[in-house]
């Protein structure tokens, strides 16, 4: 059976993952381009594109200076995913890999150069922080309605 070559949906998923990991549209574009350039276009799959994009995103983040995300750069993301961008980088990256991309624990820890226990803590803290963000925004909306 021939490999399932990456489709537009695979490219969109890779870009969404990159922007969530880097919190920067320019870095996300660079990560996807690096992944595309390093792929074997004859045999690569959508999964390969995603994996290479994740790796490139993390490599870019370790060498890049932090820059604030610009709202217009992420307006295509649902509100819930835009909230993920408010997390500190290490928490955000752990959450994106483990929860949103459902990557295995050991692979996620290896990619982020973290101990698996630290990865678990970061993922849990990210989920708690996001829940707190959602609760506080819900309370603000309710108080504005009253």
C-alpha atoms as a PDB file:
ATOM      1  CA  UNK A   1       0.000   0.000   0.000  1.00  0.00           C
ATOM      2  CA  UNK A   2       1.346   3.459  -0.954  1.00  0.00           C
ATOM      3  CA  UNK A   3       2.015   5.959   1.848  1.00  0.00           C
ATOM      4  CA  UNK A   4      -0.692   8.531   2.550  1.00  0.00           C
ATOM      5  CA  UNK A   5       1.083  11.741   1.509  1.00  0.00           C
ATOM      6  CA  UNK A   6       0.406  14.875   3.596  1.00  0.00           C
ATOM      7  CA  UNK A   7      -2.787  16.714   2.693  1.00  0.00           C
ATOM      8  CA  UNK A   8      -3.966  20.283   3.404  1.00  0.00           C
ATOM      9  CA  UNK A   9      -5.522  19.118   6.685  1.00  0.00           C
ATOM     10  CA  UNK A  10      -2.138  17.686   7.745  1.00  0.00           C
ATOM     11  CA  UNK A  11      -0.455  20.995   6.986  1.00  0.00           C
ATOM     12  CA  UNK A  12      -3.118  22.885   8.977  1.00  0.00           C
ATOM     13  CA  UNK A  13      -2.666  20.528  11.949  1.00  0.00           C
ATOM     14  CA  UNK A  14       1.116  20.887  11.810  1.00  0.00           C
ATOM     15  CA  UNK A  15       0.839  24.689  11.725  1.00  0.00           C
ATOM     16  CA  UNK A  16      -1.654  24.758  14.630  1.00  0.00           C
ATOM     17  CA  UNK A  17       0.662  22.542  16.672  1.00  0.00           C
ATOM     18  CA  UNK A  18       3.653  24.750  15.824  1.00  0.00           C
ATOM     19  CA  UNK A  19       1.879  27.960  16.777  1.00  0.00           C
ATOM     20  CA  UNK A  20       0.737  26.440  20.073  1.00  0.00           C
ATOM     21  CA  UNK A  21       4.253  25.197  20.826  1.00  0.00           C
ATOM     22  CA  UNK A  22       6.082  28.393  19.834  1.00  0.00           C
ATOM     23  CA  UNK A  23       3.381  31.029  20.554  1.00  0.00           C
ATOM     24  CA  UNK A  24       4.749  32.908  17.557  1.00  0.00           C
ATOM     25  CA  UNK A  25       3.467  32.854  13.971  1.00  0.00           C
ATOM     26  CA  UNK A  26       6.885  33.519  12.450  1.00  0.00           C
ATOM     27  CA  UNK A  27       8.483  30.683  14.441  1.00  0.00           C
ATOM     28  CA  UNK A  28       5.567  28.387  13.599  1.00  0.00           C
ATOM     29  CA  UNK A  29       5.957  29.071   9.879  1.00  0.00           C
ATOM     30  CA  UNK A  30       9.687  28.450  10.146  1.00  0.00           C
ATOM     31  CA  UNK A  31       9.101  25.142  11.956  1.00  0.00           C
ATOM     32  CA  UNK A  32       6.657  23.910   9.308  1.00  0.00           C
ATOM     33  CA  UNK A  33       9.001  24.966   6.516  1.00  0.00           C
ATOM     34  CA  UNK A  34      11.921  23.165   8.195  1.00  0.00           C
ATOM     35  CA  UNK A  35       9.782  20.046   8.477  1.00  0.00           C
ATOM     36  CA  UNK A  36       8.708  20.205   4.835  1.00  0.00           C
ATOM     37  CA  UNK A  37      12.273  20.761   3.654  1.00  0.00           C
ATOM     38  CA  UNK A  38      13.573  17.796   5.650  1.00  0.00           C
ATOM     39  CA  UNK A  39      10.840  15.367   4.536  1.00  0.00           C
ATOM     40  CA  UNK A  40      11.177  12.770   1.841  1.00  0.00           C
ATOM     41  CA  UNK A  41       8.308  14.023  -0.306  1.00  0.00           C
ATOM     42  CA  UNK A  42       7.876  10.631  -1.966  1.00  0.00           C
ATOM     43  CA  UNK A  43       7.198   8.668   1.210  1.00  0.00           C
ATOM     44  CA  UNK A  44       6.306  11.192   3.915  1.00  0.00           C
ATOM     45  CA  UNK A  45       2.946  10.994   5.650  1.00  0.00           C
ATOM     46  CA  UNK A  46       0.879  13.525   7.546  1.00  0.00           C
ATOM     47  CA  UNK A  47       2.151  11.945  10.765  1.00  0.00           C
ATOM     48  CA  UNK A  48       5.736  12.487   9.592  1.00  0.00           C
ATOM     49  CA  UNK A  49       4.978  16.142   8.887  1.00  0.00           C
ATOM     50  CA  UNK A  50       3.485  16.610  12.346  1.00  0.00           C
ATOM     51  CA  UNK A  51       6.378  14.864  14.099  1.00  0.00           C
ATOM     52  CA  UNK A  52       9.019  16.830  12.217  1.00  0.00           C
ATOM     53  CA  UNK A  53       7.133  20.081  12.836  1.00  0.00           C
ATOM     54  CA  UNK A  54       6.960  19.372  16.585  1.00  0.00           C
ATOM     55  CA  UNK A  55      10.686  18.653  16.675  1.00  0.00           C
ATOM     56  CA  UNK A  56      11.506  21.794  14.663  1.00  0.00           C
ATOM     57  CA  UNK A  57       9.217  23.917  16.878  1.00  0.00           C
ATOM     58  CA  UNK A  58      10.944  22.764  20.049  1.00  0.00           C
ATOM     59  CA  UNK A  59      14.397  23.295  18.526  1.00  0.00           C
ATOM     60  CA  UNK A  60      13.414  26.808  17.452  1.00  0.00           C
ATOM     61  CA  UNK A  61      12.066  27.604  20.912  1.00  0.00           C
ATOM     62  CA  UNK A  62      15.242  26.526  22.681  1.00  0.00           C
ATOM     63  CA  UNK A  63      17.284  28.974  20.601  1.00  0.00           C
ATOM     64  CA  UNK A  64      14.764  31.810  20.260  1.00  0.00           C
ATOM     65  CA  UNK A  65      13.986  34.788  22.394  1.00  0.00           C
ATOM     66  CA  UNK A  66      10.464  34.970  23.735  1.00  0.00           C
ATOM     67  CA  UNK A  67       8.160  37.297  21.846  1.00  0.00           C
ATOM     68  CA  UNK A  68       4.579  38.131  22.695  1.00  0.00           C
ATOM     69  CA  UNK A  69       1.897  36.600  20.500  1.00  0.00           C
ATOM     70  CA  UNK A  70      -0.046  39.066  18.375  1.00  0.00           C
ATOM     71  CA  UNK A  71      -3.821  38.539  18.515  1.00  0.00           C
ATOM     72  CA  UNK A  72      -4.277  38.849  14.755  1.00  0.00           C
ATOM     73  CA  UNK A  73      -1.753  36.046  14.214  1.00  0.00           C
ATOM     74  CA  UNK A  74      -3.922  33.539  16.091  1.00  0.00           C
ATOM     75  CA  UNK A  75      -7.423  34.740  15.290  1.00  0.00           C
ATOM     76  CA  UNK A  76      -7.996  31.502  13.345  1.00  0.00           C
ATOM     77  CA  UNK A  77      -7.687  29.488  16.575  1.00  0.00           C
ATOM     78  CA  UNK A  78     -10.774  28.756  18.680  1.00  0.00           C
ATOM     79  CA  UNK A  79     -10.934  30.745  21.934  1.00  0.00           C
ATOM     80  CA  UNK A  80     -10.044  27.643  23.976  1.00  0.00           C
ATOM     81  CA  UNK A  81      -6.783  27.185  22.077  1.00  0.00           C
ATOM     82  CA  UNK A  82      -5.940  30.881  22.329  1.00  0.00           C
ATOM     83  CA  UNK A  83      -6.100  30.416  26.110  1.00  0.00           C
ATOM     84  CA  UNK A  84      -3.390  27.754  25.830  1.00  0.00           C
ATOM     85  CA  UNK A  85      -1.096  30.480  24.481  1.00  0.00           C
ATOM     86  CA  UNK A  86      -1.364  32.299  27.819  1.00  0.00           C
ATOM     87  CA  UNK A  87       0.492  29.485  29.584  1.00  0.00           C
ATOM     88  CA  UNK A  88       4.232  29.750  30.289  1.00  0.00           C
ATOM     89  CA  UNK A  89       6.264  28.033  27.566  1.00  0.00           C
ATOM     90  CA  UNK A  90       7.201  24.839  29.476  1.00  0.00           C
ATOM     91  CA  UNK A  91       3.640  24.254  30.694  1.00  0.00           C
ATOM     92  CA  UNK A  92       2.195  25.046  27.275  1.00  0.00           C
ATOM     93  CA  UNK A  93       4.567  22.706  25.469  1.00  0.00           C
ATOM     94  CA  UNK A  94       3.918  19.836  27.888  1.00  0.00           C
ATOM     95  CA  UNK A  95       0.157  20.345  27.576  1.00  0.00           C
ATOM     96  CA  UNK A  96       0.229  20.550  23.774  1.00  0.00           C
ATOM     97  CA  UNK A  97       2.294  17.386  23.374  1.00  0.00           C
ATOM     98  CA  UNK A  98       0.580  15.237  26.005  1.00  0.00           C
ATOM     99  CA  UNK A  99      -3.026  16.419  25.852  1.00  0.00           C
ATOM    100  CA  UNK A 100      -3.697  18.059  22.505  1.00  0.00           C
ATOM    101  CA  UNK A 101      -1.440  15.854  20.378  1.00  0.00           C
ATOM    102  CA  UNK A 102      -1.716  12.779  22.648  1.00  0.00           C
ATOM    103  CA  UNK A 103       1.981  11.992  22.282  1.00  0.00           C
ATOM    104  CA  UNK A 104       3.400   9.211  24.455  1.00  0.00           C
ATOM    105  CA  UNK A 105       4.832  10.293  27.806  1.00  0.00           C
ATOM    106  CA  UNK A 106       8.403   9.117  27.172  1.00  0.00           C
ATOM    107  CA  UNK A 107       8.573  10.696  23.707  1.00  0.00           C
ATOM    108  CA  UNK A 108       7.158  13.992  25.014  1.00  0.00           C
ATOM    109  CA  UNK A 109       9.659  14.023  27.864  1.00  0.00           C
ATOM    110  CA  UNK A 110      12.497  13.297  25.461  1.00  0.00           C
ATOM    111  CA  UNK A 111      11.428  16.022  23.009  1.00  0.00           C
ATOM    112  CA  UNK A 112      11.150  18.596  25.795  1.00  0.00           C
ATOM    113  CA  UNK A 113      14.319  17.374  27.527  1.00  0.00           C
ATOM    114  CA  UNK A 114      12.353  16.829  30.740  1.00  0.00           C
ATOM    115  CA  UNK A 115      12.162  14.083  33.286  1.00  0.00           C
ATOM    116  CA  UNK A 116       8.841  12.198  32.803  1.00  0.00           C
ATOM    117  CA  UNK A 117       7.758  13.127  36.349  1.00  0.00           C
ATOM    118  CA  UNK A 118       8.439  16.810  35.616  1.00  0.00           C
ATOM    119  CA  UNK A 119       6.458  16.422  32.390  1.00  0.00           C
ATOM    120  CA  UNK A 120       3.509  15.004  34.350  1.00  0.00           C
ATOM    121  CA  UNK A 121       3.670  17.900  36.819  1.00  0.00           C
ATOM    122  CA  UNK A 122       3.872  20.470  34.021  1.00  0.00           C
ATOM    123  CA  UNK A 123       0.957  18.895  32.169  1.00  0.00           C
ATOM    124  CA  UNK A 124      -1.168  18.805  35.318  1.00  0.00           C
ATOM    125  CA  UNK A 125      -0.305  22.375  36.263  1.00  0.00           C
ATOM    126  CA  UNK A 126      -1.125  23.521  32.732  1.00  0.00           C
ATOM    127  CA  UNK A 127      -4.546  21.835  32.920  1.00  0.00           C
ATOM    128  CA  UNK A 128      -5.226  23.402  36.329  1.00  0.00           C
ATOM    129  CA  UNK A 129      -4.129  26.834  35.105  1.00  0.00           C
ATOM    130  CA  UNK A 130      -6.366  26.553  32.051  1.00  0.00           C
ATOM    131  CA  UNK A 131      -9.295  25.495  34.221  1.00  0.00           C
ATOM    132  CA  UNK A 132      -8.681  28.511  36.479  1.00  0.00           C
ATOM    133  CA  UNK A 133      -8.539  30.775  33.413  1.00  0.00           C
ATOM    134  CA  UNK A 134     -11.828  29.387  32.123  1.00  0.00           C
ATOM    135  CA  UNK A 135     -13.505  29.778  35.536  1.00  0.00           C
ATOM    136  CA  UNK A 136     -12.300  33.345  35.991  1.00  0.00           C
ATOM    137  CA  UNK A 137     -13.425  34.328  32.487  1.00  0.00           C
ATOM    138  CA  UNK A 138     -16.821  32.706  33.089  1.00  0.00           C
ATOM    139  CA  UNK A 139     -17.231  34.677  36.320  1.00  0.00           C
ATOM    140  CA  UNK A 140     -16.295  37.922  34.547  1.00  0.00           C
ATOM    141  CA  UNK A 141     -18.866  37.252  31.813  1.00  0.00           C
ATOM    142  CA  UNK A 142     -21.599  36.493  34.371  1.00  0.00           C
ATOM    143  CA  UNK A 143     -20.856  39.671  36.358  1.00  0.00           C
ATOM    144  CA  UNK A 144     -21.077  41.761  33.167  1.00  0.00           C
ATOM    145  CA  UNK A 145     -24.495  40.299  32.338  1.00  0.00           C
ATOM    146  CA  UNK A 146     -25.942  41.068  35.796  1.00  0.00           C
END
